[in-house]
Amino acid sequence: VQGSLEALCDALERMSNSEINLKIIHKGAGSITESDVVLAAASDALIVGFNIRPDASVEKLAETEGVSINVYRIIYELIADIKAAMEGLLDPDTKERIIGKALVKQVFKLSSAGTVSGCTVTEGKAQRGVKIRLLRDNVIIFEGNTAAIKRFKEDVKEVEKGYECGISIEKFTDIKVSDIIEFFIVDKTARKLIEE
């Protein structure tokens, strides 16, 4: 009905902020029609219904066109779902966590494995499968991934503080004695929509 339509549109439009802009391209009281589906398909939009159900022909057209039709009976559930969808569009907050550092003691140029740095883990742990950066005199020289971590010629997943290991870096060979290899993880946290 028209009264609930205006209240719903007002609540949804207030959810827009500087990062995410919710745009209502069509609104109307009554049933969901095939022209609503065609408009949603052309606009890459979704259809939201409140206290109504689309008929079978409209559902079939929506499925063919790849248009999502969501129907609700409780206004708060509708608003919560739209808010969650908008939050899903936000870039996550990222925070870097350093898990270890290794000091390069020697550099070996091997024909089979490329450049391998002989290192001592000085803090935390050296771990395969996480991001690394190479520091030279506290300046970042390279950021990327390890190709391998070896201990006594055995491939290992991680090496704890105080132990020695061989580390090769993917797509990077300019390693020097006294460089520091820093191992870090980037944690991502979903963001919440902040109303402005």
C-alpha atoms as a PDB file:
ATOM      1  CA  VAL A   1       0.000   0.000   0.000  1.00  0.00           C
ATOM      2  CA  GLN A   2       1.067   3.597  -0.533  1.00  0.00           C
ATOM      3  CA  GLY A   3       1.635   4.379   3.175  1.00  0.00           C
ATOM      4  CA  SER A   4       4.058   1.513   3.790  1.00  0.00           C
ATOM      5  CA  LEU A   5       5.745   2.228   0.420  1.00  0.00           C
ATOM      6  CA  GLU A   6       6.627   5.808   1.414  1.00  0.00           C
ATOM      7  CA  ALA A   7       7.859   4.756   4.878  1.00  0.00           C
ATOM      8  CA  LEU A   8       9.990   2.000   3.370  1.00  0.00           C
ATOM      9  CA  CYS A   9      11.494   4.232   0.651  1.00  0.00           C
ATOM     10  CA  ASP A  10      12.304   6.911   3.232  1.00  0.00           C
ATOM     11  CA  ALA A  11      14.056   4.360   5.485  1.00  0.00           C
ATOM     12  CA  LEU A  12      16.060   2.921   2.567  1.00  0.00           C
ATOM     13  CA  GLU A  13      17.119   6.303   1.164  1.00  0.00           C
ATOM     14  CA  ARG A  14      18.477   7.334   4.588  1.00  0.00           C
ATOM     15  CA  MET A  15      20.904   4.379   4.414  1.00  0.00           C
ATOM     16  CA  SER A  16      22.955   5.993   1.618  1.00  0.00           C
ATOM     17  CA  ASN A  17      26.242   7.601   2.610  1.00  0.00           C
ATOM     18  CA  SER A  18      29.348   9.016   0.917  1.00  0.00           C
ATOM     19  CA  GLU A  19      30.670   5.518   0.037  1.00  0.00           C
ATOM     20  CA  ILE A  20      27.497   3.658  -0.954  1.00  0.00           C
ATOM     21  CA  ASN A  21      24.568   5.311  -2.666  1.00  0.00           C
ATOM     22  CA  LEU A  22      21.326   3.359  -2.649  1.00  0.00           C
ATOM     23  CA  LYS A  23      19.157   4.420  -5.568  1.00  0.00           C
ATOM     24  CA  ILE A  24      15.501   3.493  -5.927  1.00  0.00           C
ATOM     25  CA  ILE A  25      14.846   3.426  -9.675  1.00  0.00           C
ATOM     26  CA  HIS A  26      11.120   2.616  -9.468  1.00  0.00           C
ATOM     27  CA  LYS A  27       8.565   2.271  -6.722  1.00  0.00           C
ATOM     28  CA  GLY A  28       4.903   1.442  -6.736  1.00  0.00           C
ATOM     29  CA  ALA A  29       2.052  -0.048  -4.761  1.00  0.00           C
ATOM     30  CA  GLY A  30       0.558  -3.269  -6.085  1.00  0.00           C
ATOM     31  CA  SER A  31       1.956  -6.458  -7.527  1.00  0.00           C
ATOM     32  CA  ILE A  32       5.371  -7.025  -9.109  1.00  0.00           C
ATOM     33  CA  THR A  33       4.989  -6.954 -12.897  1.00  0.00           C
ATOM     34  CA  GLU A  34       6.988  -8.180 -15.880  1.00  0.00           C
ATOM     35  CA  SER A  35       7.878  -4.558 -16.719  1.00  0.00           C
ATOM     36  CA  ASP A  36       9.430  -4.264 -13.211  1.00  0.00           C
ATOM     37  CA  VAL A  37      11.619  -7.283 -14.058  1.00  0.00           C
ATOM     38  CA  VAL A  38      12.624  -5.815 -17.430  1.00  0.00           C
ATOM     39  CA  LEU A  39      13.534  -2.472 -15.765  1.00  0.00           C
ATOM     40  CA  ALA A  40      15.546  -4.274 -13.048  1.00  0.00           C
ATOM     41  CA  ALA A  41      17.394  -6.365 -15.657  1.00  0.00           C
ATOM     42  CA  ALA A  42      18.279  -3.262 -17.694  1.00  0.00           C
ATOM     43  CA  SER A  43      19.437  -1.392 -14.581  1.00  0.00           C
ATOM     44  CA  ASP A  44      21.260  -4.286 -12.877  1.00  0.00           C
ATOM     45  CA  ALA A  45      18.955  -3.819  -9.891  1.00  0.00           C
ATOM     46  CA  LEU A  46      17.116  -6.049  -7.488  1.00  0.00           C
ATOM     47  CA  ILE A  47      13.376  -6.105  -6.810  1.00  0.00           C
ATOM     48  CA  VAL A  48      12.073  -5.861  -3.268  1.00  0.00           C
ATOM     49  CA  GLY A  49       8.472  -6.678  -2.452  1.00  0.00           C
ATOM     50  CA  PHE A  50       6.613  -6.077   0.802  1.00  0.00           C
ATOM     51  CA  ASN A  51       3.549  -8.169   1.656  1.00  0.00           C
ATOM     52  CA  ILE A  52       3.168  -9.361  -1.965  1.00  0.00           C
ATOM     53  CA  ARG A  53       4.229 -12.342  -4.083  1.00  0.00           C
ATOM     54  CA  PRO A  54       5.079 -12.244  -7.782  1.00  0.00           C
ATOM     55  CA  ASP A  55       3.026 -14.540  -9.995  1.00  0.00           C
ATOM     56  CA  ALA A  56       4.584 -17.532 -11.780  1.00  0.00           C
ATOM     57  CA  SER A  57       5.172 -15.746 -15.114  1.00  0.00           C
ATOM     58  CA  VAL A  58       6.998 -12.878 -13.362  1.00  0.00           C
ATOM     59  CA  GLU A  59       9.162 -15.335 -11.369  1.00  0.00           C
ATOM     60  CA  LYS A  60      10.031 -17.228 -14.562  1.00  0.00           C
ATOM     61  CA  LEU A  61      10.995 -14.011 -16.389  1.00  0.00           C
ATOM     62  CA  ALA A  62      13.098 -12.893 -13.391  1.00  0.00           C
ATOM     63  CA  GLU A  63      14.931 -16.226 -13.395  1.00  0.00           C
ATOM     64  CA  THR A  64      15.553 -15.965 -17.149  1.00  0.00           C
ATOM     65  CA  GLU A  65      16.817 -12.366 -16.832  1.00  0.00           C
ATOM     66  CA  GLY A  66      18.916 -13.078 -13.717  1.00  0.00           C
ATOM     67  CA  VAL A  67      16.948 -10.623 -11.580  1.00  0.00           C
ATOM     68  CA  SER A  68      16.639 -11.274  -7.859  1.00  0.00           C
ATOM     69  CA  ILE A  69      13.194 -10.780  -6.302  1.00  0.00           C
ATOM     70  CA  ASN A  70      13.151 -10.618  -2.516  1.00  0.00           C
ATOM     71  CA  VAL A  71       9.827 -10.485  -0.717  1.00  0.00           C
ATOM     72  CA  TYR A  72       9.276  -9.618   2.932  1.00  0.00           C
ATOM     73  CA  ARG A  73       6.481  -9.472   5.480  1.00  0.00           C
ATOM     74  CA  ILE A  74       8.422  -7.592   8.165  1.00  0.00           C
ATOM     75  CA  ILE A  75       9.840  -4.157   7.330  1.00  0.00           C
ATOM     76  CA  TYR A  76      12.806  -4.506   9.724  1.00  0.00           C
ATOM     77  CA  GLU A  77      13.974  -7.709   7.976  1.00  0.00           C
ATOM     78  CA  LEU A  78      13.831  -5.960   4.608  1.00  0.00           C
ATOM     79  CA  ILE A  79      15.891  -3.022   5.896  1.00  0.00           C
ATOM     80  CA  ALA A  80      18.396  -5.356   7.603  1.00  0.00           C
ATOM     81  CA  ASP A  81      18.887  -7.384   4.382  1.00  0.00           C
ATOM     82  CA  ILE A  82      19.418  -4.271   2.258  1.00  0.00           C
ATOM     83  CA  LYS A  83      21.861  -2.897   4.845  1.00  0.00           C
ATOM     84  CA  ALA A  84      23.788  -6.205   4.840  1.00  0.00           C
ATOM     85  CA  ALA A  85      23.933  -6.157   1.031  1.00  0.00           C
ATOM     86  CA  MET A  86      25.262  -2.599   1.085  1.00  0.00           C
ATOM     87  CA  GLU A  87      27.872  -3.518   3.718  1.00  0.00           C
ATOM     88  CA  GLY A  88      28.986  -6.340   1.437  1.00  0.00           C
ATOM     89  CA  LEU A  89      29.903  -3.710  -1.169  1.00  0.00           C
ATOM     90  CA  LEU A  90      32.224  -1.860   1.225  1.00  0.00           C
ATOM     91  CA  ASP A  91      35.929  -2.581   0.985  1.00  0.00           C
ATOM     92  CA  PRO A  92      37.024  -4.412   4.139  1.00  0.00           C
ATOM     93  CA  ASP A  93      39.260  -2.779   6.731  1.00  0.00           C
ATOM     94  CA  THR A  94      42.747  -4.241   6.512  1.00  0.00           C
ATOM     95  CA  LYS A  95      45.315  -4.448   9.250  1.00  0.00           C
ATOM     96  CA  GLU A  96      48.801  -5.824   8.885  1.00  0.00           C
ATOM     97  CA  ARG A  97      50.207  -8.176  11.524  1.00  0.00           C
ATOM     98  CA  ILE A  98      53.944  -8.965  11.522  1.00  0.00           C
ATOM     99  CA  ILE A  99      54.471 -12.581  12.566  1.00  0.00           C
ATOM    100  CA  GLY A 100      58.231 -12.845  12.240  1.00  0.00           C
ATOM    101  CA  LYS A 101      61.559 -11.543  10.995  1.00  0.00           C
ATOM    102  CA  ALA A 102      64.623 -13.283   9.627  1.00  0.00           C
ATOM    103  CA  LEU A 103      68.136 -11.862   9.217  1.00  0.00           C
ATOM    104  CA  VAL A 104      70.008 -12.799   6.038  1.00  0.00           C
ATOM    105  CA  LYS A 105      73.429 -14.227   7.021  1.00  0.00           C
ATOM    106  CA  GLN A 106      74.533 -15.620   3.641  1.00  0.00           C
ATOM    107  CA  VAL A 107      73.357 -15.585   0.037  1.00  0.00           C
ATOM    108  CA  PHE A 108      73.709 -18.619  -2.232  1.00  0.00           C
ATOM    109  CA  LYS A 109      73.266 -18.603  -6.006  1.00  0.00           C
ATOM    110  CA  LEU A 110      72.171 -22.119  -6.942  1.00  0.00           C
ATOM    111  CA  SER A 111      71.567 -23.277 -10.486  1.00  0.00           C
ATOM    112  CA  SER A 112      68.658 -25.498  -9.407  1.00  0.00           C
ATOM    113  CA  ALA A 113      66.888 -23.217  -6.886  1.00  0.00           C
ATOM    114  CA  GLY A 114      67.983 -19.711  -7.894  1.00  0.00           C
ATOM    115  CA  THR A 115      68.963 -17.320  -5.098  1.00  0.00           C
ATOM    116  CA  VAL A 116      68.608 -18.725  -1.582  1.00  0.00           C
ATOM    117  CA  SER A 117      69.256 -16.675   1.526  1.00  0.00           C
ATOM    118  CA  GLY A 118      70.667 -18.405   4.581  1.00  0.00           C
ATOM    119  CA  CYS A 119      68.801 -16.800   7.477  1.00  0.00           C
ATOM    120  CA  THR A 120      68.364 -16.825  11.227  1.00  0.00           C
ATOM    121  CA  VAL A 121      64.831 -16.193  12.472  1.00  0.00           C
ATOM    122  CA  THR A 122      65.215 -13.292  14.916  1.00  0.00           C
ATOM    123  CA  GLU A 123      61.584 -12.670  15.898  1.00  0.00           C
ATOM    124  CA  GLY A 124      58.408 -14.744  15.843  1.00  0.00           C
ATOM    125  CA  LYS A 125      58.525 -17.276  13.033  1.00  0.00           C
ATOM    126  CA  ALA A 126      59.279 -17.529   9.321  1.00  0.00           C
ATOM    127  CA  GLN A 127      56.207 -18.989   7.644  1.00  0.00           C
ATOM    128  CA  ARG A 128      55.514 -20.154   4.113  1.00  0.00           C
ATOM    129  CA  GLY A 129      52.280 -18.975   2.493  1.00  0.00           C
ATOM    130  CA  VAL A 130      52.211 -15.490   4.020  1.00  0.00           C
ATOM    131  CA  LYS A 131      53.319 -12.170   2.556  1.00  0.00           C
ATOM    132  CA  ILE A 132      56.921 -11.056   2.984  1.00  0.00           C
ATOM    133  CA  ARG A 133      58.860  -7.876   2.529  1.00  0.00           C
ATOM    134  CA  LEU A 134      62.605  -7.466   2.192  1.00  0.00           C
ATOM    135  CA  LEU A 135      64.132  -4.598   4.170  1.00  0.00           C
ATOM    136  CA  ARG A 136      67.573  -3.160   3.543  1.00  0.00           C
ATOM    137  CA  ASP A 137      68.664  -0.466   6.019  1.00  0.00           C
ATOM    138  CA  ASN A 138      64.984  -0.146   7.077  1.00  0.00           C
ATOM    139  CA  VAL A 139      63.919   0.616   3.493  1.00  0.00           C
ATOM    140  CA  ILE A 140      61.427  -1.711   1.802  1.00  0.00           C
ATOM    141  CA  ILE A 141      63.170  -3.177  -1.256  1.00  0.00           C
ATOM    142  CA  PHE A 142      60.620  -5.806  -2.238  1.00  0.00           C
ATOM    143  CA  GLU A 143      57.222  -7.108  -1.197  1.00  0.00           C
ATOM    144  CA  GLY A 144      55.895 -10.478  -2.322  1.00  0.00           C
ATOM    145  CA  ASN A 145      55.884 -14.168  -1.391  1.00  0.00           C
ATOM    146  CA  THR A 146      58.345 -16.868  -0.415  1.00  0.00           C
ATOM    147  CA  ALA A 147      59.069 -19.530  -3.010  1.00  0.00           C
ATOM    148  CA  ALA A 148      60.345 -21.974  -0.382  1.00  0.00           C
ATOM    149  CA  ILE A 149      61.584 -22.295   3.188  1.00  0.00           C
ATOM    150  CA  LYS A 150      64.043 -25.110   3.848  1.00  0.00           C
ATOM    151  CA  ARG A 151      65.669 -26.476   6.951  1.00  0.00           C
ATOM    152  CA  PHE A 152      68.440 -29.067   6.422  1.00  0.00           C
ATOM    153  CA  LYS A 153      67.340 -29.461   2.761  1.00  0.00           C
ATOM    154  CA  GLU A 154      63.774 -30.315   3.841  1.00  0.00           C
ATOM    155  CA  ASP A 155      60.838 -28.127   2.789  1.00  0.00           C
ATOM    156  CA  VAL A 156      59.147 -26.799   5.929  1.00  0.00           C
ATOM    157  CA  LYS A 157      56.034 -24.729   6.571  1.00  0.00           C
ATOM    158  CA  GLU A 158      57.552 -22.614   9.334  1.00  0.00           C
ATOM    159  CA  VAL A 159      60.709 -22.028  11.360  1.00  0.00           C
ATOM    160  CA  GLU A 160      60.658 -20.651  14.911  1.00  0.00           C
ATOM    161  CA  LYS A 161      62.774 -17.863  16.426  1.00  0.00           C
ATOM    162  CA  GLY A 162      66.400 -18.799  17.037  1.00  0.00           C
ATOM    163  CA  TYR A 163      66.636 -21.370  14.254  1.00  0.00           C
ATOM    164  CA  GLU A 164      68.334 -21.146  10.864  1.00  0.00           C
ATOM    165  CA  CYS A 165      66.741 -21.795   7.498  1.00  0.00           C
ATOM    166  CA  GLY A 166      67.078 -21.183   3.776  1.00  0.00           C
ATOM    167  CA  ILE A 167      64.544 -18.845   2.186  1.00  0.00           C
ATOM    168  CA  SER A 168      63.994 -18.231  -1.505  1.00  0.00           C
ATOM    169  CA  ILE A 169      61.716 -15.435  -2.661  1.00  0.00           C
ATOM    170  CA  GLU A 170      59.383 -15.594  -5.661  1.00  0.00           C
ATOM    171  CA  LYS A 171      60.494 -13.406  -8.585  1.00  0.00           C
ATOM    172  CA  PHE A 172      63.274 -11.662  -6.647  1.00  0.00           C
ATOM    173  CA  THR A 173      67.003 -12.379  -6.503  1.00  0.00           C
ATOM    174  CA  ASP A 174      68.665  -9.140  -5.295  1.00  0.00           C
ATOM    175  CA  ILE A 175      69.181 -10.327  -1.710  1.00  0.00           C
ATOM    176  CA  LYS A 176      72.166  -9.138   0.309  1.00  0.00           C
ATOM    177  CA  VAL A 177      73.748 -10.109   3.633  1.00  0.00           C
ATOM    178  CA  SER A 178      72.163  -8.149   6.549  1.00  0.00           C
ATOM    179  CA  ASP A 179      68.828  -7.745   4.744  1.00  0.00           C
ATOM    180  CA  ILE A 180      65.801  -8.482   6.882  1.00  0.00           C
ATOM    181  CA  ILE A 181      62.907 -10.592   5.646  1.00  0.00           C
ATOM    182  CA  GLU A 182      59.690  -9.642   7.405  1.00  0.00           C
ATOM    183  CA  PHE A 183      56.767 -12.094   7.395  1.00  0.00           C
ATOM    184  CA  PHE A 184      53.287 -10.614   7.751  1.00  0.00           C
ATOM    185  CA  ILE A 185      49.603 -11.395   7.475  1.00  0.00           C
ATOM    186  CA  VAL A 186      46.948  -8.939   6.299  1.00  0.00           C
ATOM    187  CA  ASP A 187      43.794  -9.353   8.392  1.00  0.00           C
ATOM    188  CA  LYS A 188      40.561  -8.216   6.734  1.00  0.00           C
ATOM    189  CA  THR A 189      37.540  -7.152   8.748  1.00  0.00           C
ATOM    190  CA  ALA A 190      34.104  -6.574   7.251  1.00  0.00           C
ATOM    191  CA  ARG A 191      32.959  -3.003   7.660  1.00  0.00           C
ATOM    192  CA  LYS A 192      29.622  -1.807   8.925  1.00  0.00           C
ATOM    193  CA  LEU A 193      27.514   0.813   7.216  1.00  0.00           C
ATOM    194  CA  ILE A 194      27.740   4.123   9.080  1.00  0.00           C
ATOM    195  CA  GLU A 195      24.785   6.389   8.552  1.00  0.00           C
ATOM    196  CA  GLU A 196      25.815  10.004   7.997  1.00  0.00           C
END
